[in-house]
C-alpha atoms as a PDB file:
ATOM      1  CA  MET A   1      -0.019   0.063  -0.017  1.00  0.00           C
ATOM      2  CA  THR A   2       1.297   3.456  -0.930  1.00  0.00           C
ATOM      3  CA  SER A   3       2.125   5.575   2.143  1.00  0.00           C
ATOM      4  CA  LYS A   4       0.600   9.014   2.605  1.00  0.00           C
ATOM      5  CA  ILE A   5       2.556  12.005   1.419  1.00  0.00           C
ATOM      6  CA  ILE A   6       3.237  14.527   4.303  1.00  0.00           C
ATOM      7  CA  TRP A   7       3.591  18.205   3.878  1.00  0.00           C
ATOM      8  CA  GLU A   8       6.019  20.132   6.301  1.00  0.00           C
ATOM      9  CA  LYS A   9       4.277  23.183   7.876  1.00  0.00           C
ATOM     10  CA  SER A  10       6.699  25.461   6.261  1.00  0.00           C
ATOM     11  CA  ALA A  11       5.950  23.841   2.835  1.00  0.00           C
ATOM     12  CA  GLU A  12       2.138  24.306   3.320  1.00  0.00           C
ATOM     13  CA  ASP A  13       2.814  27.941   4.247  1.00  0.00           C
ATOM     14  CA  LEU A  14       4.819  28.359   1.067  1.00  0.00           C
ATOM     15  CA  ILE A  15       2.221  26.796  -1.224  1.00  0.00           C
ATOM     16  CA  ASN A  16      -0.461  29.026   0.378  1.00  0.00           C
ATOM     17  CA  LYS A  17       1.384  32.027  -0.977  1.00  0.00           C
ATOM     18  CA  ALA A  18       0.673  30.963  -4.591  1.00  0.00           C
ATOM     19  CA  PRO A  19      -2.086  33.010  -6.367  1.00  0.00           C
ATOM     20  CA  PHE A  20      -5.416  31.374  -5.333  1.00  0.00           C
ATOM     21  CA  PHE A  21      -6.548  30.753  -8.925  1.00  0.00           C
ATOM     22  CA  ILE A  22      -3.452  28.591  -9.775  1.00  0.00           C
ATOM     23  CA  ARG A  23      -2.804  27.175  -6.206  1.00  0.00           C
ATOM     24  CA  GLY A  24      -4.578  23.890  -7.085  1.00  0.00           C
ATOM     25  CA  LEU A  25      -2.542  23.475 -10.256  1.00  0.00           C
ATOM     26  CA  VAL A  26       0.723  24.118  -8.439  1.00  0.00           C
ATOM     27  CA  LYS A  27      -0.118  21.629  -5.699  1.00  0.00           C
ATOM     28  CA  LYS A  28      -1.045  18.961  -8.188  1.00  0.00           C
ATOM     29  CA  LYS A  29       2.276  19.344 -10.017  1.00  0.00           C
ATOM     30  CA  ILE A  30       4.156  19.040  -6.712  1.00  0.00           C
ATOM     31  CA  LEU A  31       2.334  15.882  -5.716  1.00  0.00           C
ATOM     32  CA  GLU A  32       2.817  14.411  -9.186  1.00  0.00           C
ATOM     33  CA  ARG A  33       6.474  14.988  -8.908  1.00  0.00           C
ATOM     34  CA  ALA A  34       6.577  13.636  -5.425  1.00  0.00           C
ATOM     35  CA  GLU A  35       4.851  10.424  -6.477  1.00  0.00           C
ATOM     36  CA  LYS A  36       7.136  10.118  -9.514  1.00  0.00           C
ATOM     37  CA  GLU A  37      10.253  10.370  -7.138  1.00  0.00           C
ATOM     38  CA  ASN A  38       8.655   8.114  -4.529  1.00  0.00           C
ATOM     39  CA  LEU A  39       8.888  11.033  -1.993  1.00  0.00           C
ATOM     40  CA  ARG A  40       6.762  10.923   1.182  1.00  0.00           C
ATOM     41  CA  LEU A  41       7.779  14.279   2.816  1.00  0.00           C
ATOM     42  CA  ILE A  42       7.348  17.515   0.876  1.00  0.00           C
ATOM     43  CA  THR A  43       9.727  20.290   2.008  1.00  0.00           C
ATOM     44  CA  PRO A  44      10.207  23.934   0.906  1.00  0.00           C
ATOM     45  CA  ASP A  45      13.392  22.739  -0.843  1.00  0.00           C
ATOM     46  CA  PHE A  46      11.497  20.204  -2.882  1.00  0.00           C
ATOM     47  CA  ILE A  47       8.836  22.857  -3.770  1.00  0.00           C
ATOM     48  CA  ASN A  48      11.526  25.208  -5.052  1.00  0.00           C
ATOM     49  CA  GLN A  49      13.025  22.347  -7.151  1.00  0.00           C
ATOM     50  CA  VAL A  50       9.630  21.818  -8.777  1.00  0.00           C
ATOM     51  CA  LYS A  51       9.252  25.518  -9.235  1.00  0.00           C
ATOM     52  CA  ARG A  52      12.520  25.665 -11.241  1.00  0.00           C
ATOM     53  CA  ALA A  53      11.497  22.757 -13.331  1.00  0.00           C
ATOM     54  CA  PHE A  54       8.147  24.260 -13.843  1.00  0.00           C
ATOM     55  CA  GLY A  55       9.918  27.451 -14.858  1.00  0.00           C
ATOM     56  CA  ASN A  56      11.306  25.751 -17.938  1.00  0.00           C
ATOM     57  CA  GLU A  57       7.721  25.541 -19.208  1.00  0.00           C
ATOM     58  CA  LYS A  58       7.282  29.330 -18.652  1.00  0.00           C
ATOM     59  CA  GLU A  59       7.168  30.337 -22.364  1.00  0.00           C
ATOM     60  CA  GLU A  60       4.465  27.671 -23.089  1.00  0.00           C
ATOM     61  CA  ILE A  61       2.409  28.814 -20.061  1.00  0.00           C
ATOM     62  CA  LEU A  62       2.670  32.509 -21.058  1.00  0.00           C
ATOM     63  CA  LYS A  63       1.481  31.536 -24.576  1.00  0.00           C
ATOM     64  CA  GLU A  64      -1.533  29.819 -23.140  1.00  0.00           C
ATOM     65  CA  GLN A  65      -2.231  32.605 -20.847  1.00  0.00           C
ATOM     66  CA  LYS A  66      -2.158  35.177 -23.660  1.00  0.00           C
ATOM     67  CA  GLU A  67      -4.534  33.000 -25.697  1.00  0.00           C
ATOM     68  CA  LYS A  68      -6.811  32.783 -22.656  1.00  0.00           C
ATOM     69  CA  PHE A  69      -6.645  36.408 -21.732  1.00  0.00           C
ATOM     70  CA  ASP A  70      -5.961  38.148 -24.991  1.00  0.00           C
ATOM     71  CA  PHE A  71      -5.870  41.668 -23.720  1.00  0.00           C
ATOM     72  CA  GLN A  72      -4.176  42.829 -26.889  1.00  0.00           C
ATOM     73  CA  THR A  73      -7.458  42.693 -28.912  1.00  0.00           C
ATOM     74  CA  LYS A  74      -9.929  45.429 -28.201  1.00  0.00           C
ATOM     75  CA  ILE A  75     -13.567  44.507 -28.868  1.00  0.00           C
ATOM     76  CA  LYS A  76     -14.923  48.080 -28.567  1.00  0.00           C
ATOM     77  CA  GLU A  77     -13.492  51.141 -27.021  1.00  0.00           C
ATOM     78  CA  GLU A  78     -15.797  50.901 -24.051  1.00  0.00           C
ATOM     79  CA  ASP A  79     -15.669  47.195 -23.447  1.00  0.00           C
ATOM     80  CA  TYR A  80     -13.265  44.903 -21.652  1.00  0.00           C
ATOM     81  CA  ASN A  81     -10.352  43.594 -23.677  1.00  0.00           C
ATOM     82  CA  PHE A  82     -11.495  40.025 -23.838  1.00  0.00           C
ATOM     83  CA  THR A  83     -11.148  37.820 -26.831  1.00  0.00           C
ATOM     84  CA  GLN A  84     -14.065  37.726 -29.222  1.00  0.00           C
ATOM     85  CA  GLU A  85     -15.103  34.343 -27.890  1.00  0.00           C
ATOM     86  CA  GLN A  86     -15.111  35.467 -24.272  1.00  0.00           C
ATOM     87  CA  PHE A  87     -16.905  38.527 -25.158  1.00  0.00           C
ATOM     88  CA  GLU A  88     -19.780  36.672 -26.845  1.00  0.00           C
ATOM     89  CA  ILE A  89     -20.030  34.303 -23.878  1.00  0.00           C
ATOM     90  CA  ILE A  90     -20.388  37.294 -21.439  1.00  0.00           C
ATOM     91  CA  GLU A  91     -22.825  39.066 -23.831  1.00  0.00           C
ATOM     92  CA  LYS A  92     -25.009  35.955 -23.970  1.00  0.00           C
ATOM     93  CA  LEU A  93     -24.995  35.291 -20.252  1.00  0.00           C
ATOM     94  CA  SER A  94     -25.773  38.935 -19.327  1.00  0.00           C
ATOM     95  CA  ASN A  95     -29.002  38.893 -21.378  1.00  0.00           C
ATOM     96  CA  GLN A  96     -30.480  35.925 -19.407  1.00  0.00           C
ATOM     97  CA  ASN A  97     -33.086  36.427 -16.772  1.00  0.00           C
ATOM     98  CA  ILE A  98     -31.570  34.504 -13.767  1.00  0.00           C
ATOM     99  CA  GLY A  99     -32.988  34.133 -10.259  1.00  0.00           C
ATOM    100  CA  TYR A 100     -36.097  33.548  -8.229  1.00  0.00           C
ATOM    101  CA  PHE A 101     -39.327  35.579  -8.918  1.00  0.00           C
ATOM    102  CA  GLU A 102     -41.929  34.730  -6.312  1.00  0.00           C
ATOM    103  CA  LYS A 103     -45.169  36.278  -5.121  1.00  0.00           C
ATOM    104  CA  THR A 104     -43.572  38.194  -2.226  1.00  0.00           C
ATOM    105  CA  TYR A 105     -39.984  38.630  -3.310  1.00  0.00           C
ATOM    106  CA  GLU A 106     -37.507  38.612  -6.203  1.00  0.00           C
ATOM    107  CA  ILE A 107     -33.894  37.666  -6.298  1.00  0.00           C
ATOM    108  CA  ASN A 108     -32.015  38.660  -9.331  1.00  0.00           C
ATOM    109  CA  LEU A 109     -28.624  36.778 -10.015  1.00  0.00           C
ATOM    110  CA  CYS A 110     -26.012  38.037 -12.438  1.00  0.00           C
ATOM    111  CA  ALA A 111     -24.577  35.877 -15.130  1.00  0.00           C
ATOM    112  CA  GLY A 112     -22.008  34.651 -12.540  1.00  0.00           C
ATOM    113  CA  ALA A 113     -24.718  31.991 -11.694  1.00  0.00           C
ATOM    114  CA  ARG A 114     -24.161  30.593 -15.255  1.00  0.00           C
ATOM    115  CA  GLY A 115     -20.456  30.791 -15.431  1.00  0.00           C
ATOM    116  CA  CYS A 116     -19.529  34.337 -16.397  1.00  0.00           C
ATOM    117  CA  PRO A 117     -15.730  34.487 -16.336  1.00  0.00           C
ATOM    118  CA  LEU A 118     -15.910  37.931 -14.560  1.00  0.00           C
ATOM    119  CA  SER A 119     -17.550  36.625 -11.397  1.00  0.00           C
ATOM    120  CA  LEU A 120     -15.486  36.521  -8.229  1.00  0.00           C
ATOM    121  CA  ILE A 121     -17.926  34.793  -5.967  1.00  0.00           C
ATOM    122  CA  ASP A 122     -20.357  31.817  -5.981  1.00  0.00           C
ATOM    123  CA  VAL A 123     -23.490  33.798  -7.065  1.00  0.00           C
ATOM    124  CA  GLN A 124     -25.755  30.714  -7.369  1.00  0.00           C
ATOM    125  CA  LYS A 125     -24.924  29.486  -3.794  1.00  0.00           C
ATOM    126  CA  ILE A 126     -25.438  32.988  -2.335  1.00  0.00           C
ATOM    127  CA  GLY A 127     -28.708  33.273  -4.192  1.00  0.00           C
ATOM    128  CA  ASP A 128     -29.864  29.932  -2.832  1.00  0.00           C
ATOM    129  CA  ASP A 129     -28.858  30.817   0.579  1.00  0.00           C
ATOM    130  CA  LEU A 130     -30.790  34.142   0.560  1.00  0.00           C
ATOM    131  CA  LYS A 131     -33.857  32.376  -0.966  1.00  0.00           C
ATOM    132  CA  GLU A 132     -33.859  29.932   2.031  1.00  0.00           C
ATOM    133  CA  LYS A 133     -33.343  32.842   4.512  1.00  0.00           C
ATOM    134  CA  ILE A 134     -36.197  34.978   3.114  1.00  0.00           C
ATOM    135  CA  GLU A 135     -38.431  31.923   2.865  1.00  0.00           C
ATOM    136  CA  ASN A 136     -37.933  31.290   6.576  1.00  0.00           C
ATOM    137  CA  SER A 137     -38.157  34.986   7.703  1.00  0.00           C
ATOM    138  CA  LYS A 138     -41.139  37.007   8.816  1.00  0.00           C
ATOM    139  CA  TRP A 139     -41.315  38.708   5.458  1.00  0.00           C
ATOM    140  CA  GLN A 140     -43.871  36.591   3.495  1.00  0.00           C
ATOM    141  CA  ASP A 141     -46.420  36.296   6.286  1.00  0.00           C
ATOM    142  CA  ASN A 142     -46.132  40.000   7.021  1.00  0.00           C
ATOM    143  CA  LEU A 143     -46.598  41.181   3.428  1.00  0.00           C
ATOM    144  CA  LEU A 144     -49.499  38.656   2.863  1.00  0.00           C
ATOM    145  CA  GLU A 145     -51.247  39.947   5.974  1.00  0.00           C
ATOM    146  CA  ARG A 146     -50.727  43.607   4.973  1.00  0.00           C
ATOM    147  CA  ARG A 147     -52.015  42.979   1.483  1.00  0.00           C
ATOM    148  CA  LYS A 148     -54.915  40.739   2.461  1.00  0.00           C
ATOM    149  CA  ASN A 149     -57.595  40.960  -0.178  1.00  0.00           C
ATOM    150  CA  LYS A 150     -55.429  43.359  -2.171  1.00  0.00           C
ATOM    151  CA  PRO A 151     -53.193  42.700  -5.139  1.00  0.00           C
ATOM    152  CA  ILE A 152     -49.375  42.345  -4.467  1.00  0.00           C
ATOM    153  CA  LEU A 153     -47.782  44.693  -6.928  1.00  0.00           C
ATOM    154  CA  ARG A 154     -44.101  44.551  -7.966  1.00  0.00           C
ATOM    155  CA  HIS A 155     -43.166  47.448  -5.762  1.00  0.00           C
ATOM    156  CA  HIS A 156     -44.562  45.706  -2.716  1.00  0.00           C
ATOM    157  CA  LYS A 157     -42.017  42.736  -3.180  1.00  0.00           C
ATOM    158  CA  PHE A 158     -38.788  42.520  -1.215  1.00  0.00           C
ATOM    159  CA  LYS A 159     -36.106  42.778  -4.063  1.00  0.00           C
ATOM    160  CA  ILE A 160     -32.690  41.285  -3.788  1.00  0.00           C
ATOM    161  CA  ALA A 161     -29.787  41.221  -6.247  1.00  0.00           C
ATOM    162  CA  VAL A 162     -26.508  39.348  -6.156  1.00  0.00           C
ATOM    163  CA  SER A 163     -23.652  40.475  -8.470  1.00  0.00           C
ATOM    164  CA  GLY A 164     -20.375  38.456  -8.926  1.00  0.00           C
ATOM    165  CA  CYS A 165     -18.264  41.480  -9.611  1.00  0.00           C
ATOM    166  CA  PRO A 166     -18.409  45.397  -9.372  1.00  0.00           C
ATOM    167  CA  ASN A 167     -20.031  45.565 -12.871  1.00  0.00           C
ATOM    168  CA  ALA A 168     -23.200  44.871 -10.878  1.00  0.00           C
ATOM    169  CA  CYS A 169     -25.174  43.630 -13.870  1.00  0.00           C
ATOM    170  CA  SER A 170     -28.004  42.393 -11.559  1.00  0.00           C
ATOM    171  CA  GLU A 171     -28.491  46.078 -10.428  1.00  0.00           C
ATOM    172  CA  PRO A 172     -28.033  45.723  -6.690  1.00  0.00           C
ATOM    173  CA  GLN A 173     -27.925  49.578  -6.405  1.00  0.00           C
ATOM    174  CA  ILE A 174     -31.632  49.773  -6.889  1.00  0.00           C
ATOM    175  CA  LYS A 175     -32.758  46.804  -4.770  1.00  0.00           C
ATOM    176  CA  ASP A 176     -33.811  46.520  -1.224  1.00  0.00           C
ATOM    177  CA  PHE A 177     -30.809  44.270  -0.547  1.00  0.00           C
ATOM    178  CA  GLY A 178     -27.748  43.743  -2.710  1.00  0.00           C
ATOM    179  CA  VAL A 179     -24.466  41.718  -2.726  1.00  0.00           C
ATOM    180  CA  ILE A 180     -21.544  42.550  -4.845  1.00  0.00           C
ATOM    181  CA  GLY A 181     -18.432  40.425  -5.087  1.00  0.00           C
ATOM    182  CA  ASN A 182     -15.091  42.120  -4.732  1.00  0.00           C
ATOM    183  CA  LEU A 183     -11.332  41.006  -4.964  1.00  0.00           C
ATOM    184  CA  LYS A 184      -8.598  43.268  -3.869  1.00  0.00           C
ATOM    185  CA  PRO A 185      -5.381  43.115  -5.823  1.00  0.00           C
ATOM    186  CA  LEU A 186      -2.123  42.512  -4.057  1.00  0.00           C
ATOM    187  CA  ARG A 187       1.537  42.579  -5.105  1.00  0.00           C
ATOM    188  CA  THR A 188       3.696  39.463  -4.592  1.00  0.00           C
ATOM    189  CA  PRO A 189       7.531  39.076  -4.665  1.00  0.00           C
ATOM    190  CA  GLU A 190       7.191  37.231  -8.115  1.00  0.00           C
ATOM    191  CA  ILE A 191       9.176  39.121 -10.709  1.00  0.00           C
ATOM    192  CA  CYS A 192       7.003  41.323 -13.031  1.00  0.00           C
ATOM    193  CA  ILE A 193       7.688  40.478 -16.707  1.00  0.00           C
ATOM    194  CA  GLN A 194       6.472  43.963 -17.732  1.00  0.00           C
ATOM    195  CA  CYS A 195       3.863  42.565 -20.194  1.00  0.00           C
ATOM    196  CA  GLY A 196       1.492  45.453 -19.451  1.00  0.00           C
ATOM    197  CA  ASN A 197      -1.613  43.155 -19.247  1.00  0.00           C
ATOM    198  CA  CYS A 198      -2.681  44.738 -15.936  1.00  0.00           C
ATOM    199  CA  LEU A 199      -2.705  48.227 -17.500  1.00  0.00           C
ATOM    200  CA  LYS A 200      -4.942  47.103 -20.373  1.00  0.00           C
ATOM    201  CA  ALA A 201      -7.241  45.258 -18.064  1.00  0.00           C
ATOM    202  CA  CYS A 202      -7.823  48.147 -15.634  1.00  0.00           C
ATOM    203  CA  ARG A 203     -10.571  50.508 -16.695  1.00  0.00           C
ATOM    204  CA  GLU A 204     -10.068  52.820 -13.661  1.00  0.00           C
ATOM    205  CA  SER A 205      -6.441  53.776 -14.352  1.00  0.00           C
ATOM    206  CA  SER A 206      -5.642  52.556 -10.830  1.00  0.00           C
ATOM    207  CA  ILE A 207      -2.301  50.889 -11.659  1.00  0.00           C
ATOM    208  CA  ILE A 208       1.084  52.411 -12.227  1.00  0.00           C
ATOM    209  CA  LEU A 209       3.564  50.034 -13.861  1.00  0.00           C
ATOM    210  CA  LYS A 210       7.056  50.864 -12.515  1.00  0.00           C
ATOM    211  CA  GLU A 211      10.364  49.044 -13.282  1.00  0.00           C
ATOM    212  CA  ASP A 212      10.012  46.785 -10.352  1.00  0.00           C
ATOM    213  CA  GLY A 213       6.333  46.018 -11.003  1.00  0.00           C
ATOM    214  CA  PRO A 214       2.815  47.459 -10.530  1.00  0.00           C
ATOM    215  CA  GLU A 215       1.517  49.812  -7.888  1.00  0.00           C
ATOM    216  CA  PHE A 216      -2.157  50.224  -7.017  1.00  0.00           C
ATOM    217  CA  ASP A 217      -4.130  53.352  -6.293  1.00  0.00           C
ATOM    218  CA  TYR A 218      -6.758  51.816  -3.975  1.00  0.00           C
ATOM    219  CA  GLN A 219      -8.777  55.020  -3.986  1.00  0.00           C
ATOM    220  CA  LYS A 220      -9.607  54.370  -7.592  1.00  0.00           C
ATOM    221  CA  CYS A 221      -9.576  50.624  -7.612  1.00  0.00           C
ATOM    222  CA  LEU A 222     -12.982  48.907  -7.698  1.00  0.00           C
ATOM    223  CA  ASN A 223     -11.665  45.466  -6.801  1.00  0.00           C
ATOM    224  CA  CYS A 224     -12.972  43.861  -9.999  1.00  0.00           C
ATOM    225  CA  GLY A 225     -10.110  41.289 -10.244  1.00  0.00           C
ATOM    226  CA  LEU A 226      -9.352  41.806 -13.966  1.00  0.00           C
ATOM    227  CA  CYS A 227      -5.719  42.726 -13.273  1.00  0.00           C
ATOM    228  CA  ILE A 228      -5.318  39.560 -11.237  1.00  0.00           C
ATOM    229  CA  ALA A 229      -6.702  37.367 -14.006  1.00  0.00           C
ATOM    230  CA  SER A 230      -4.625  39.134 -16.705  1.00  0.00           C
ATOM    231  CA  CYS A 231      -1.301  38.708 -14.794  1.00  0.00           C
ATOM    232  CA  PRO A 232       0.587  35.563 -16.206  1.00  0.00           C
ATOM    233  CA  SER A 233       3.595  35.833 -13.797  1.00  0.00           C
ATOM    234  CA  GLY A 234       1.722  35.761 -10.424  1.00  0.00           C
ATOM    235  CA  THR A 235       3.019  39.171  -9.574  1.00  0.00           C
ATOM    236  CA  ILE A 236      -0.587  40.328  -8.881  1.00  0.00           C
ATOM    237  CA  ILE A 237      -2.824  38.064  -6.785  1.00  0.00           C
ATOM    238  CA  GLY A 238      -6.013  38.518  -4.625  1.00  0.00           C
ATOM    239  CA  ASN A 239      -6.927  37.491  -1.111  1.00  0.00           C
ATOM    240  CA  GLU A 240     -10.140  35.681  -0.591  1.00  0.00           C
ATOM    241  CA  PRO A 241     -13.106  37.540  -2.186  1.00  0.00           C
ATOM    242  CA  PHE A 242     -15.205  39.828   0.126  1.00  0.00           C
ATOM    243  CA  TYR A 243     -18.832  40.923  -0.101  1.00  0.00           C
ATOM    244  CA  LYS A 244     -20.131  44.510  -0.314  1.00  0.00           C
ATOM    245  CA  ILE A 245     -23.648  44.680   1.118  1.00  0.00           C
ATOM    246  CA  LEU A 246     -26.060  47.367  -0.042  1.00  0.00           C
ATOM    247  CA  ALA A 247     -29.485  48.152   1.375  1.00  0.00           C
ATOM    248  CA  GLY A 248     -32.326  50.620   0.636  1.00  0.00           C
ATOM    249  CA  GLY A 249     -32.343  51.112  -3.171  1.00  0.00           C
ATOM    250  CA  LYS A 250     -35.474  51.635  -5.194  1.00  0.00           C
ATOM    251  CA  LEU A 251     -36.948  53.087  -8.371  1.00  0.00           C
ATOM    252  CA  GLY A 252     -40.444  54.455  -8.712  1.00  0.00           C
ATOM    253  CA  ARG A 253     -41.505  58.158  -8.203  1.00  0.00           C
ATOM    254  CA  HIS A 254     -38.499  58.963  -6.042  1.00  0.00           C
ATOM    255  CA  PRO A 255     -35.552  56.770  -7.028  1.00  0.00           C
ATOM    256  CA  ARG A 256     -32.859  56.141  -4.493  1.00  0.00           C
ATOM    257  CA  LEU A 257     -29.531  54.424  -4.754  1.00  0.00           C
ATOM    258  CA  ALA A 258     -28.833  51.708  -2.199  1.00  0.00           C
ATOM    259  CA  GLU A 259     -26.190  52.554   0.432  1.00  0.00           C
ATOM    260  CA  GLU A 260     -23.312  50.280   1.593  1.00  0.00           C
ATOM    261  CA  VAL A 261     -24.242  48.883   5.064  1.00  0.00           C
ATOM    262  CA  ALA A 262     -21.431  46.247   5.395  1.00  0.00           C
ATOM    263  CA  SER A 263     -18.322  44.781   3.953  1.00  0.00           C
ATOM    264  CA  LEU A 264     -18.220  41.023   4.812  1.00  0.00           C
ATOM    265  CA  LYS A 265     -15.488  38.457   4.530  1.00  0.00           C
ATOM    266  CA  ASN A 266     -17.582  35.447   5.503  1.00  0.00           C
ATOM    267  CA  GLN A 267     -20.248  34.263   3.147  1.00  0.00           C
ATOM    268  CA  GLU A 268     -22.370  32.963   6.012  1.00  0.00           C
ATOM    269  CA  GLU A 269     -22.579  36.480   7.368  1.00  0.00           C
ATOM    270  CA  ILE A 270     -24.668  37.574   4.324  1.00  0.00           C
ATOM    271  CA  LYS A 271     -27.639  35.577   5.483  1.00  0.00           C
ATOM    272  CA  LYS A 272     -27.502  37.169   8.987  1.00  0.00           C
ATOM    273  CA  THR A 273     -27.348  40.619   7.389  1.00  0.00           C
ATOM    274  CA  LEU A 274     -30.368  40.041   5.278  1.00  0.00           C
ATOM    275  CA  GLU A 275     -32.231  38.855   8.386  1.00  0.00           C
ATOM    276  CA  GLU A 276     -31.341  42.079  10.104  1.00  0.00           C
ATOM    277  CA  VAL A 277     -32.362  44.196   7.144  1.00  0.00           C
ATOM    278  CA  ILE A 278     -35.770  42.436   6.893  1.00  0.00           C
ATOM    279  CA  ASN A 279     -36.363  42.778  10.675  1.00  0.00           C
ATOM    280  CA  PHE A 280     -35.455  46.435  10.486  1.00  0.00           C
ATOM    281  CA  PHE A 281     -37.900  46.958   7.597  1.00  0.00           C
ATOM    282  CA  ILE A 282     -40.801  45.258   9.273  1.00  0.00           C
ATOM    283  CA  GLU A 283     -40.177  47.091  12.629  1.00  0.00           C
ATOM    284  CA  ASN A 284     -40.418  50.378  10.853  1.00  0.00           C
ATOM    285  CA  LEU A 285     -43.238  49.880   8.360  1.00  0.00           C
ATOM    286  CA  HIS A 286     -45.177  52.625  10.276  1.00  0.00           C
ATOM    287  CA  ILE A 287     -42.716  55.130   8.659  1.00  0.00           C
ATOM    288  CA  SER A 288     -43.032  53.844   5.073  1.00  0.00           C
ATOM    289  CA  SER A 289     -43.782  50.804   3.032  1.00  0.00           C
ATOM    290  CA  ARG A 290     -40.431  51.255   1.159  1.00  0.00           C
ATOM    291  CA  LEU A 291     -37.176  50.381   2.851  1.00  0.00           C
ATOM    292  CA  GLY A 292     -35.311  53.155   1.070  1.00  0.00           C
ATOM    293  CA  GLU A 293     -37.596  55.806   2.418  1.00  0.00           C
ATOM    294  CA  ILE A 294     -37.333  54.369   5.950  1.00  0.00           C
ATOM    295  CA  MET A 295     -33.553  54.482   5.694  1.00  0.00           C
ATOM    296  CA  GLU A 296     -33.748  58.197   4.747  1.00  0.00           C
ATOM    297  CA  LYS A 297     -35.438  58.903   8.114  1.00  0.00           C
ATOM    298  CA  LYS A 298     -33.886  56.340  10.425  1.00  0.00           C
ATOM    299  CA  ASN A 299     -30.308  54.992  10.401  1.00  0.00           C
ATOM    300  CA  PHE A 300     -29.722  51.223   9.957  1.00  0.00           C
ATOM    301  CA  TYR A 301     -26.909  49.673  11.965  1.00  0.00           C
ATOM    302  CA  ILE A 302     -25.538  46.188  11.624  1.00  0.00           C
ATOM    303  CA  THR A 303     -25.048  44.420  14.932  1.00  0.00           C
ATOM    304  CA  ASP A 304     -21.730  42.656  15.618  1.00  0.00           C
ATOM    305  CA  LEU A 305     -21.318  39.741  13.288  1.00  0.00           C
END
């Protein structure tokens, strides 16, 4: 029977520094090499050996990356610099009506629920979680009781939107409750090859490419993750995605953009925040039947999560 391969703690720490989107591939290559050499203990020295060997394939990897993220080709002046094939996929997905549209609530999901390459978070899972939460909340019974013998119109419903990235295609800014996926770019010690892909990917002009690599202007950066996806050398990576939570948006006679009420790192906290928003809404229905109008007159605070 083959004995189990063991990782030294320092080796695990080293592998966790790899960009999250290629970490699985790197770990797989290290394990394959260990199996081939019948090695049972993985050390930082062994990882560096594999890294040097892997470096010999660099040109081929860069070629594949360029084909996957062809930022040299502009589709339109105002569009992202994806290949024509990627652009067509995004365009097709963004025109789909995705989500849950029930009698008392609506949950709009962006194209990330169907595999949009721009999505930074698990849009479908978050949508399912929020559906379960609102189904088990006080909202449905409350609305049905208030509208007894009266029609429930669209503006009576509690509207939710989940967007996988700051493009916000599902329009969370005009919903009662919105979730937007974010991914902050970070600089690593990996040598920048000065390809310029990050500059082409960034629509906010928030990157300055210096001789030693990129620098970020976080005041301009929207945390969309495109510079991370475009970087073939691993010089730019992102930490785990985080979730920007909005509340109080609406259209109608007096439109109002939703305001940011929380920035969460834990996906589970999104459900608790929705519950708090719904409870706040119900408790203050004597002020208005629209959450946005209530929030204009009374501050909403998130309790400690």
